[in-house]
C-alpha cells in the first residue's frame, strides 16, 4: 500500500557522548523533522548515554533508521517498526561486537522465523544442539543476551510518544 504509515521506536541503548548529536542529525534526516533525543546516563556502561524516541513515518522507515546508524563504533541500538496494512513488523538490533540483526515481528513484537529457515535448520542438523544453535541465530539470541543489561538499565526511562489514541 503506497504511502501507508507506521509507528516504531528507536532505542539507543548506549552511545558515547560525542556521538549523540550525530545520531540526532541522522534520525532527523531520516524522519524529515528535527529530532532532539532526551539523553540519560546509561548505568550499564561507563561514560555512555541512552535515549528512546517514538516515531511515525512511512513504511520502511525502520530499515532506513537502522541503516543510518549502522557502522558507528561503540553504539548499541534497536529500531522497531510496527506492522501496518500490507507490511509485517520488524526489529533491527545492533551491537558493536555482533553487528546488525534483522527479524520480522508479529503484532505482539515476537520474532517470526520463516518456515524455510526452520526446515533448513532441521535438514542441516547433525543433532539437537545444531537445531538449537540455528534457531538461536534465527531468533537473534546473541543480540538479546548482549543488549539485555542495557535494556534493563533503561527501565523507567522517559519515552516521548508521538501519536494520539483515538
N, C-alpha and C. Protein backbone atom coordinates (compact mmCIF):
# COMPACT_ATOMS: atom_id res chain seq x y z
N UNK A 1 0.85 -1.16 0.00
CA UNK A 1 0.00 0.00 0.00
C UNK A 1 0.90 1.24 0.00
N UNK A 2 0.91 1.97 -1.09
CA UNK A 2 1.76 3.15 -1.22
C UNK A 2 1.33 4.23 -0.25
N UNK A 3 2.31 4.83 0.39
CA UNK A 3 2.02 5.94 1.28
C UNK A 3 1.52 5.54 2.66
N UNK A 4 1.43 4.24 2.96
CA UNK A 4 0.97 3.80 4.28
C UNK A 4 1.99 4.22 5.33
N UNK A 5 1.48 4.58 6.51
CA UNK A 5 2.37 4.96 7.59
C UNK A 5 2.36 3.89 8.67
N UNK A 6 3.38 3.94 9.47
CA UNK A 6 3.53 3.01 10.58
C UNK A 6 4.17 3.74 11.75
N UNK A 7 4.29 3.05 12.85
CA UNK A 7 4.93 3.60 14.04
C UNK A 7 6.09 2.71 14.42
N UNK A 8 6.95 3.26 15.21
CA UNK A 8 8.06 2.48 15.71
C UNK A 8 8.76 3.20 16.83
N UNK A 9 9.80 2.57 17.34
CA UNK A 9 10.59 3.16 18.41
C UNK A 9 12.07 2.97 18.09
N UNK A 10 12.82 4.02 18.31
CA UNK A 10 14.27 3.97 18.24
C UNK A 10 14.77 3.90 19.67
N UNK A 11 15.50 2.84 19.98
CA UNK A 11 16.12 2.67 21.30
C UNK A 11 17.62 2.79 21.11
N UNK A 12 18.22 3.87 21.58
CA UNK A 12 19.67 3.95 21.63
C UNK A 12 20.04 3.48 23.02
N UNK A 13 20.52 2.25 23.12
CA UNK A 13 20.83 1.65 24.42
C UNK A 13 22.12 2.19 25.01
N UNK A 14 23.08 2.48 24.15
CA UNK A 14 24.33 3.08 24.66
C UNK A 14 25.05 3.78 23.53
N UNK A 15 25.49 4.99 23.86
CA UNK A 15 26.23 5.81 22.91
C UNK A 15 27.25 6.65 23.65
N UNK A 16 28.45 6.77 23.08
CA UNK A 16 29.39 7.74 23.65
C UNK A 16 28.81 9.15 23.49
N UNK A 17 29.10 10.02 24.44
CA UNK A 17 28.55 11.38 24.44
C UNK A 17 28.83 12.12 23.12
N UNK A 18 30.04 11.97 22.59
CA UNK A 18 30.41 12.69 21.37
C UNK A 18 29.57 12.29 20.16
N UNK A 19 29.03 11.10 20.18
CA UNK A 19 28.24 10.60 19.05
C UNK A 19 26.78 11.07 19.09
N UNK A 20 26.30 11.49 20.24
CA UNK A 20 24.88 11.83 20.42
C UNK A 20 24.34 12.85 19.42
N UNK A 21 25.01 13.98 19.20
CA UNK A 21 24.45 14.92 18.22
C UNK A 21 24.39 14.35 16.80
N UNK A 22 25.34 13.50 16.47
CA UNK A 22 25.36 12.89 15.14
C UNK A 22 24.17 11.94 14.96
N UNK A 23 23.81 11.23 16.04
CA UNK A 23 22.65 10.33 15.99
C UNK A 23 21.37 11.15 15.81
N UNK A 24 21.27 12.27 16.50
CA UNK A 24 20.09 13.14 16.34
C UNK A 24 20.00 13.67 14.92
N UNK A 25 21.13 14.07 14.34
CA UNK A 25 21.12 14.57 12.97
C UNK A 25 20.72 13.47 11.99
N UNK A 26 21.24 12.26 12.20
CA UNK A 26 20.90 11.15 11.31
C UNK A 26 19.41 10.82 11.40
N UNK A 27 18.87 10.76 12.63
CA UNK A 27 17.44 10.48 12.81
C UNK A 27 16.60 11.59 12.21
N UNK A 28 17.01 12.83 12.38
CA UNK A 28 16.29 13.97 11.80
C UNK A 28 16.24 13.86 10.28
N UNK A 29 17.37 13.49 9.71
CA UNK A 29 17.43 13.35 8.24
C UNK A 29 16.48 12.27 7.75
N UNK A 30 16.46 11.13 8.43
CA UNK A 30 15.58 10.02 8.03
C UNK A 30 14.11 10.37 8.23
N UNK A 31 13.78 10.97 9.38
CA UNK A 31 12.38 11.23 9.72
C UNK A 31 11.84 12.53 9.13
N UNK A 32 12.72 13.35 8.61
CA UNK A 32 12.28 14.59 7.97
C UNK A 32 11.77 15.63 8.94
N UNK A 33 12.18 15.54 10.18
CA UNK A 33 11.80 16.50 11.22
C UNK A 33 12.92 16.57 12.24
N UNK A 34 13.00 17.67 12.95
CA UNK A 34 14.05 17.81 13.97
C UNK A 34 13.82 16.79 15.08
N UNK A 35 14.84 16.01 15.37
CA UNK A 35 14.79 15.03 16.45
C UNK A 35 15.77 15.47 17.53
N UNK A 36 15.23 15.72 18.71
CA UNK A 36 16.04 16.05 19.88
C UNK A 36 15.81 14.95 20.91
N UNK A 37 16.76 14.08 21.07
CA UNK A 37 16.61 12.96 21.98
C UNK A 37 16.87 13.40 23.43
N UNK A 38 16.13 12.81 24.36
CA UNK A 38 16.33 13.07 25.78
C UNK A 38 17.37 12.07 26.30
N UNK A 39 18.61 12.50 26.34
CA UNK A 39 19.71 11.62 26.74
C UNK A 39 19.77 11.49 28.25
N UNK A 40 19.95 10.26 28.72
CA UNK A 40 20.15 9.99 30.14
C UNK A 40 21.37 9.09 30.30
N UNK A 41 21.91 9.08 31.48
CA UNK A 41 23.07 8.22 31.76
C UNK A 41 22.67 6.76 31.58
N UNK A 42 23.60 5.97 31.06
CA UNK A 42 23.40 4.53 30.90
C UNK A 42 24.20 3.84 32.00
N UNK A 43 23.53 3.39 33.06
CA UNK A 43 24.26 2.79 34.17
C UNK A 43 24.99 1.50 33.83
N UNK A 44 24.65 0.85 32.73
CA UNK A 44 25.30 -0.41 32.36
C UNK A 44 26.65 -0.20 31.68
N UNK A 45 27.01 1.05 31.40
CA UNK A 45 28.28 1.31 30.74
C UNK A 45 28.87 2.64 31.15
N UNK A 46 30.13 2.66 31.41
CA UNK A 46 30.81 3.88 31.85
C UNK A 46 30.85 4.93 30.74
N UNK A 47 30.47 6.15 31.08
CA UNK A 47 30.52 7.29 30.17
C UNK A 47 29.63 7.11 28.94
N UNK A 48 28.55 6.34 29.09
CA UNK A 48 27.62 6.12 27.98
C UNK A 48 26.26 6.75 28.30
N UNK A 49 25.55 7.13 27.25
CA UNK A 49 24.21 7.70 27.37
C UNK A 49 23.21 6.82 26.64
N UNK A 50 21.93 7.00 26.97
CA UNK A 50 20.86 6.24 26.31
C UNK A 50 19.71 7.18 26.02
N UNK A 51 18.86 6.78 25.05
CA UNK A 51 17.67 7.57 24.70
C UNK A 51 16.68 6.67 23.98
N UNK A 52 15.41 7.08 24.02
CA UNK A 52 14.35 6.40 23.28
C UNK A 52 13.54 7.45 22.55
N UNK A 53 13.03 7.07 21.38
CA UNK A 53 12.26 8.02 20.58
C UNK A 53 11.19 7.26 19.80
N UNK A 54 9.94 7.60 20.02
CA UNK A 54 8.84 7.00 19.26
C UNK A 54 8.61 7.83 18.01
N UNK A 55 8.40 7.15 16.90
CA UNK A 55 8.24 7.85 15.62
C UNK A 55 7.04 7.32 14.87
N UNK A 56 6.57 8.13 13.93
CA UNK A 56 5.52 7.74 12.99
C UNK A 56 5.95 8.25 11.63
N UNK A 57 5.98 7.35 10.64
CA UNK A 57 6.52 7.70 9.33
C UNK A 57 6.07 6.64 8.32
N UNK A 58 6.44 6.80 7.05
CA UNK A 58 6.07 5.80 6.03
C UNK A 58 6.68 4.43 6.31
N UNK A 59 6.00 3.40 5.81
CA UNK A 59 6.53 2.03 5.91
C UNK A 59 7.96 2.01 5.38
N UNK A 60 8.80 1.23 6.03
CA UNK A 60 10.19 1.10 5.61
C UNK A 60 11.13 2.04 6.33
N UNK A 61 10.58 2.96 7.12
CA UNK A 61 11.42 3.91 7.83
C UNK A 61 12.32 3.22 8.86
N UNK A 62 11.84 2.15 9.46
CA UNK A 62 12.66 1.43 10.43
C UNK A 62 13.96 0.95 9.81
N UNK A 63 13.88 0.40 8.61
CA UNK A 63 15.09 -0.07 7.93
C UNK A 63 16.03 1.09 7.62
N UNK A 64 15.46 2.21 7.22
CA UNK A 64 16.28 3.38 6.90
C UNK A 64 16.97 3.91 8.15
N UNK A 65 16.24 3.95 9.27
CA UNK A 65 16.86 4.39 10.53
C UNK A 65 17.99 3.44 10.94
N UNK A 66 17.73 2.15 10.89
CA UNK A 66 18.75 1.17 11.28
C UNK A 66 19.99 1.31 10.40
N UNK A 67 19.78 1.53 9.12
CA UNK A 67 20.91 1.69 8.20
C UNK A 67 21.67 2.98 8.46
N UNK A 68 20.95 4.03 8.83
CA UNK A 68 21.60 5.32 9.09
C UNK A 68 22.54 5.25 10.29
N UNK A 69 22.26 4.37 11.24
CA UNK A 69 23.08 4.25 12.45
C UNK A 69 24.15 3.18 12.33
N UNK A 70 24.05 2.36 11.34
CA UNK A 70 24.97 1.23 11.18
C UNK A 70 26.39 1.72 10.93
N UNK A 71 27.33 1.04 11.57
CA UNK A 71 28.74 1.32 11.29
C UNK A 71 29.41 2.24 12.29
N UNK A 72 28.64 2.88 13.18
CA UNK A 72 29.27 3.72 14.19
C UNK A 72 29.77 2.85 15.34
N UNK A 73 31.02 3.02 15.70
CA UNK A 73 31.63 2.21 16.75
C UNK A 73 31.00 2.52 18.10
N UNK A 74 31.00 1.53 18.96
CA UNK A 74 30.56 1.67 20.35
C UNK A 74 29.11 2.08 20.49
N UNK A 75 28.28 1.73 19.55
CA UNK A 75 26.87 2.09 19.58
C UNK A 75 26.02 0.83 19.68
N UNK A 76 25.10 0.83 20.64
CA UNK A 76 24.13 -0.26 20.78
C UNK A 76 22.76 0.35 20.57
N UNK A 77 21.99 -0.22 19.65
CA UNK A 77 20.66 0.33 19.39
C UNK A 77 19.73 -0.73 18.86
N UNK A 78 18.44 -0.41 18.95
CA UNK A 78 17.39 -1.22 18.34
C UNK A 78 16.40 -0.27 17.70
N UNK A 79 15.84 -0.71 16.60
CA UNK A 79 14.77 0.01 15.93
C UNK A 79 13.63 -0.98 15.74
N UNK A 80 12.42 -0.56 16.12
CA UNK A 80 11.25 -1.39 15.85
C UNK A 80 10.35 -0.66 14.87
N UNK A 81 9.65 -1.43 14.07
CA UNK A 81 8.62 -0.89 13.17
C UNK A 81 7.39 -1.77 13.33
N UNK A 82 6.27 -1.17 13.70
CA UNK A 82 5.04 -1.92 13.91
C UNK A 82 4.47 -2.43 12.59
N UNK A 83 3.71 -3.53 12.64
CA UNK A 83 3.01 -3.98 11.43
C UNK A 83 2.02 -2.90 11.00
N UNK A 84 1.79 -2.82 9.72
CA UNK A 84 0.84 -1.87 9.16
C UNK A 84 0.19 -2.51 7.94
N UNK A 85 -0.86 -1.91 7.40
CA UNK A 85 -1.54 -2.54 6.27
C UNK A 85 -0.56 -2.92 5.14
N UNK A 86 -0.50 -4.21 4.85
CA UNK A 86 0.35 -4.70 3.77
C UNK A 86 1.80 -4.93 4.15
N UNK A 87 2.15 -4.75 5.43
CA UNK A 87 3.55 -4.91 5.82
C UNK A 87 3.64 -5.55 7.21
N UNK A 88 4.58 -6.48 7.36
CA UNK A 88 4.86 -7.07 8.66
C UNK A 88 5.62 -6.07 9.51
N UNK A 89 5.68 -6.34 10.80
CA UNK A 89 6.52 -5.55 11.68
C UNK A 89 7.96 -6.03 11.56
N UNK A 90 8.88 -5.28 12.17
CA UNK A 90 10.29 -5.66 12.09
C UNK A 90 11.06 -5.09 13.27
N UNK A 91 12.20 -5.72 13.55
CA UNK A 91 13.11 -5.23 14.56
C UNK A 91 14.53 -5.37 14.05
N UNK A 92 15.32 -4.32 14.27
CA UNK A 92 16.73 -4.33 13.96
C UNK A 92 17.48 -4.11 15.26
N UNK A 93 18.45 -4.95 15.54
CA UNK A 93 19.27 -4.84 16.76
C UNK A 93 20.72 -4.73 16.33
N UNK A 94 21.46 -3.87 17.02
CA UNK A 94 22.88 -3.68 16.68
C UNK A 94 23.73 -3.62 17.94
N UNK A 95 24.84 -4.33 17.91
CA UNK A 95 25.85 -4.23 18.96
C UNK A 95 27.20 -4.08 18.28
N UNK A 96 28.17 -3.47 18.99
CA UNK A 96 29.49 -3.30 18.38
C UNK A 96 30.16 -4.63 18.02
N UNK A 97 29.96 -5.66 18.84
CA UNK A 97 30.65 -6.93 18.59
C UNK A 97 29.94 -7.83 17.59
N UNK A 98 28.62 -7.71 17.47
CA UNK A 98 27.86 -8.61 16.60
C UNK A 98 27.40 -7.97 15.30
N UNK A 99 27.38 -6.67 15.22
CA UNK A 99 26.84 -6.01 14.04
C UNK A 99 25.32 -5.94 14.12
N UNK A 100 24.66 -6.02 12.96
CA UNK A 100 23.22 -5.81 12.91
C UNK A 100 22.46 -7.12 12.72
N UNK A 101 21.31 -7.20 13.35
CA UNK A 101 20.40 -8.34 13.22
C UNK A 101 19.03 -7.80 12.83
N UNK A 102 18.38 -8.47 11.90
CA UNK A 102 17.03 -8.07 11.47
C UNK A 102 16.10 -9.26 11.59
N UNK A 103 14.88 -8.99 12.06
CA UNK A 103 13.86 -10.04 12.14
C UNK A 103 12.50 -9.45 11.85
N UNK A 104 11.66 -10.25 11.24
CA UNK A 104 10.26 -9.90 11.05
C UNK A 104 9.56 -10.17 12.38
N UNK A 105 8.60 -9.31 12.74
CA UNK A 105 7.89 -9.48 14.00
C UNK A 105 6.38 -9.52 13.76
N UNK A 106 5.68 -10.14 14.71
CA UNK A 106 4.22 -10.19 14.62
C UNK A 106 3.61 -8.99 15.34
N UNK A 107 2.31 -8.98 15.48
CA UNK A 107 1.60 -7.85 16.08
C UNK A 107 1.98 -7.62 17.54
N UNK A 108 2.55 -8.63 18.19
CA UNK A 108 2.94 -8.52 19.59
C UNK A 108 4.43 -8.28 19.78
N UNK A 109 5.16 -8.16 18.68
CA UNK A 109 6.60 -7.92 18.76
C UNK A 109 7.44 -9.18 18.81
N UNK A 110 6.81 -10.35 18.69
CA UNK A 110 7.55 -11.61 18.68
C UNK A 110 8.26 -11.81 17.35
N UNK A 111 9.46 -12.34 17.40
CA UNK A 111 10.20 -12.66 16.17
C UNK A 111 9.50 -13.80 15.46
N UNK A 112 9.34 -13.67 14.16
CA UNK A 112 8.72 -14.71 13.33
C UNK A 112 9.83 -15.35 12.49
N UNK A 113 10.00 -16.65 12.65
CA UNK A 113 11.02 -17.38 11.89
C UNK A 113 10.32 -18.05 10.72
N UNK A 114 10.74 -17.75 9.49
CA UNK A 114 10.09 -18.34 8.32
C UNK A 114 10.22 -19.87 8.28
N UNK A 115 9.21 -20.49 7.72
CA UNK A 115 9.14 -21.94 7.62
C UNK A 115 10.38 -22.53 6.96
N UNK A 116 10.85 -21.93 5.86
CA UNK A 116 12.00 -22.47 5.15
C UNK A 116 13.27 -22.42 6.00
N UNK A 117 13.38 -21.42 6.86
CA UNK A 117 14.56 -21.34 7.73
C UNK A 117 14.53 -22.46 8.76
N UNK A 118 13.36 -22.77 9.28
CA UNK A 118 13.24 -23.87 10.23
C UNK A 118 13.54 -25.20 9.55
N UNK A 119 12.97 -25.40 8.36
CA UNK A 119 13.25 -26.64 7.61
C UNK A 119 14.74 -26.81 7.32
N UNK A 120 15.39 -25.71 6.95
CA UNK A 120 16.83 -25.75 6.66
C UNK A 120 17.63 -26.11 7.91
N UNK A 121 17.24 -25.54 9.05
CA UNK A 121 17.93 -25.84 10.31
C UNK A 121 17.82 -27.32 10.65
N UNK A 122 16.64 -27.88 10.45
CA UNK A 122 16.42 -29.29 10.77
C UNK A 122 17.19 -30.18 9.78
N UNK A 123 17.14 -29.82 8.50
CA UNK A 123 17.81 -30.63 7.47
C UNK A 123 19.33 -30.63 7.62
N UNK A 124 19.90 -29.52 8.02
CA UNK A 124 21.36 -29.42 8.13
C UNK A 124 21.89 -29.93 9.46
N UNK A 125 21.02 -30.20 10.40
CA UNK A 125 21.45 -30.56 11.75
C UNK A 125 21.97 -31.99 11.85
N UNK A 126 23.05 -32.13 12.63
CA UNK A 126 23.56 -33.45 12.95
C UNK A 126 22.94 -33.96 14.25
N UNK A 127 22.53 -33.00 15.09
CA UNK A 127 21.92 -33.37 16.37
C UNK A 127 21.05 -32.21 16.86
N UNK A 128 20.44 -32.40 18.01
CA UNK A 128 19.53 -31.39 18.55
C UNK A 128 20.25 -30.08 18.84
N UNK A 129 21.52 -30.16 19.22
CA UNK A 129 22.31 -28.94 19.50
C UNK A 129 22.41 -28.07 18.26
N UNK A 130 22.61 -28.69 17.09
CA UNK A 130 22.69 -27.93 15.83
C UNK A 130 21.38 -27.21 15.54
N UNK A 131 20.26 -27.88 15.80
CA UNK A 131 18.95 -27.26 15.59
C UNK A 131 18.80 -26.06 16.53
N UNK A 132 19.15 -26.27 17.78
CA UNK A 132 19.04 -25.18 18.75
C UNK A 132 19.91 -24.00 18.35
N UNK A 133 21.14 -24.24 17.93
CA UNK A 133 22.04 -23.16 17.52
C UNK A 133 21.47 -22.39 16.32
N UNK A 134 20.92 -23.12 15.36
CA UNK A 134 20.35 -22.48 14.18
C UNK A 134 19.13 -21.63 14.55
N UNK A 135 18.30 -22.14 15.45
CA UNK A 135 17.13 -21.38 15.88
C UNK A 135 17.53 -20.19 16.76
N UNK A 136 18.55 -20.34 17.58
CA UNK A 136 19.05 -19.20 18.37
C UNK A 136 19.53 -18.08 17.44
N UNK A 137 20.21 -18.45 16.38
CA UNK A 137 20.66 -17.45 15.41
C UNK A 137 19.46 -16.78 14.73
N UNK A 138 18.48 -17.57 14.33
CA UNK A 138 17.29 -17.03 13.66
C UNK A 138 16.50 -16.09 14.56
N UNK A 139 16.53 -16.35 15.87
CA UNK A 139 15.81 -15.53 16.84
C UNK A 139 16.63 -14.34 17.35
N UNK A 140 17.90 -14.29 17.01
CA UNK A 140 18.75 -13.20 17.46
C UNK A 140 19.14 -13.31 18.92
N UNK A 141 19.28 -14.53 19.41
CA UNK A 141 19.56 -14.78 20.82
C UNK A 141 20.83 -14.07 21.28
N UNK A 142 21.89 -14.10 20.50
CA UNK A 142 23.15 -13.47 20.92
C UNK A 142 22.97 -11.96 21.08
N UNK A 143 22.19 -11.34 20.21
CA UNK A 143 21.92 -9.89 20.32
C UNK A 143 21.12 -9.60 21.58
N UNK A 144 20.10 -10.44 21.84
CA UNK A 144 19.30 -10.25 23.05
C UNK A 144 20.16 -10.37 24.30
N UNK A 145 21.04 -11.35 24.33
CA UNK A 145 21.90 -11.54 25.50
C UNK A 145 22.82 -10.35 25.72
N UNK A 146 23.38 -9.82 24.64
CA UNK A 146 24.30 -8.69 24.78
C UNK A 146 23.55 -7.39 25.12
N UNK A 147 22.34 -7.22 24.59
CA UNK A 147 21.60 -5.98 24.83
C UNK A 147 20.82 -5.96 26.14
N UNK A 148 20.51 -7.12 26.69
CA UNK A 148 19.64 -7.18 27.86
C UNK A 148 20.11 -6.32 29.04
N UNK A 149 21.38 -6.32 29.40
CA UNK A 149 21.79 -5.45 30.52
C UNK A 149 21.54 -3.96 30.21
N UNK A 150 21.65 -3.58 28.94
CA UNK A 150 21.43 -2.19 28.55
C UNK A 150 19.94 -1.87 28.49
N UNK A 151 19.13 -2.84 28.10
CA UNK A 151 17.67 -2.65 28.13
C UNK A 151 17.19 -2.50 29.57
N UNK A 152 17.65 -3.37 30.42
CA UNK A 152 17.23 -3.37 31.82
C UNK A 152 17.61 -2.07 32.50
N UNK A 153 18.79 -1.57 32.19
CA UNK A 153 19.25 -0.32 32.79
C UNK A 153 18.37 0.85 32.38
N UNK A 154 17.65 0.70 31.27
CA UNK A 154 16.78 1.77 30.81
C UNK A 154 15.36 1.66 31.32
N UNK A 155 15.07 0.69 32.16
CA UNK A 155 13.71 0.53 32.69
C UNK A 155 13.31 1.79 33.43
N UNK A 156 12.15 2.30 33.08
CA UNK A 156 11.66 3.52 33.72
C UNK A 156 12.17 4.79 33.06
N UNK A 157 12.95 4.66 32.00
CA UNK A 157 13.46 5.85 31.32
C UNK A 157 12.31 6.56 30.60
N UNK A 158 12.42 7.87 30.44
CA UNK A 158 11.33 8.60 29.79
C UNK A 158 11.21 8.23 28.31
N UNK A 159 9.98 8.17 27.83
CA UNK A 159 9.71 7.89 26.43
C UNK A 159 8.80 8.99 25.91
N UNK A 160 9.11 9.56 24.77
CA UNK A 160 8.28 10.59 24.16
C UNK A 160 7.37 9.93 23.14
N UNK A 161 6.07 9.99 23.36
CA UNK A 161 5.08 9.38 22.46
C UNK A 161 4.64 10.42 21.45
N UNK A 162 4.62 10.05 20.19
CA UNK A 162 4.30 10.99 19.12
C UNK A 162 2.90 10.80 18.54
N UNK A 163 2.17 9.80 18.97
CA UNK A 163 0.87 9.53 18.36
C UNK A 163 -0.24 9.69 19.39
N UNK A 164 -1.44 9.93 18.89
CA UNK A 164 -2.60 10.06 19.74
C UNK A 164 -3.42 8.79 19.68
N UNK A 165 -4.14 8.51 20.75
CA UNK A 165 -5.06 7.38 20.77
C UNK A 165 -6.43 7.93 20.43
N UNK A 166 -7.13 7.22 19.53
CA UNK A 166 -8.50 7.63 19.21
C UNK A 166 -8.64 8.47 18.05
